[in-house]
Amino acid sequence: MNRLFVVNKPIFRTSNGYMGYVKRKYNTKKVGFSGTLDPFATGCLIVATGQYTKLFQYLNKTPKSYKATLWLGANSPSLDIEKIDSIKEIEPFTEEKIKEVLHSLQGELTYYPPKFCAKKINGKRAYELAREGKEVELKTITSMIYDINLINYNHPFVHFEAKVSEGTYIRSLGALVADKLGVDGTLSSLHRIHEGQFYYDNEKALDPFTHLALPLNTYTGDDEYIELGKKLGVEYFEIQDEGIYLVETEHFFSIIEIIHREIKYRFNRIPKFNAE
């Protein structure tokens, strides 16, 4: 079965662990997801089964939107409620000050990702090293914060919403807000609203070919050649510029790459979407 849809990941479940539910519900062994959510985070998680798992890297998943709660005065090395080690009482801030700090983070932002993250260091996940008590040295990353706004400030909890580029760490964003306020702070809740055009809609099956960040190219030769994976000539394509393209035949989709006037198959014979 080939299916693309969005699940609403519950709290205190790993993204990978939640795939057991998907396998049982849809009676499938091949399942994957895109964009890991931390165990304490909830919300939009893109899932695919069968051959559609090959399409994750081509999906249009940006910008992403999140709702988060920052707990001022709480400290955690994981920047979330997983490892809180101290809580201090702090004086309230004005709502204007909170808004000022949030808006100061808008635009291009360079920062360090959390030590408890999935980035690999010498072949091992950073969070694995951090949990073992080993030193974790991560390089700075750059994200685009398209929009960040205060939803509500009920001291010591700052509820905010952020629209960001792919790969942004909202835990780090919360830590930067706390740093600018001069206090400890950690996220106590995190909910992903959407990724690009992907929203939770009761696990409705989606047509992946309307969500690909790829231009459509037209093959003017015999469909059988492309469906059988035979060698193709660039002269049989309407667009002959170098790049990666989606190509449709009567029965399948293919993803091909034109490079040095040669055609290379990225994926072939991907079944078309059938509405359920």
Foldseek 3Di string as FASTA:
>chain_A
DKFKFWDWADAQAWPVRCVVVVCVVVVADAKDWPDTDDRRATFTIIMIGDPCVLQRVFFQFDFWKKKFKKQFQWAALQLEPPGTDGGDDDDDDDPVLLFVLQVVCAFKDKDWARQLAQDDDPRHGSNVCVVVVHDGDTHIDIKHWHDKGFPDCDPPMTIIMTTITPPDDVSVVSQSSNVVVVTHMGIHYMYIQGTRPHGHDPGFTDFRVVRGPFAAKEFQDDPVCQQVPHWDFLVRIPDNDFDWHWYDDPFAIWIWTHDPRGIDTPGHRHGGDDGD
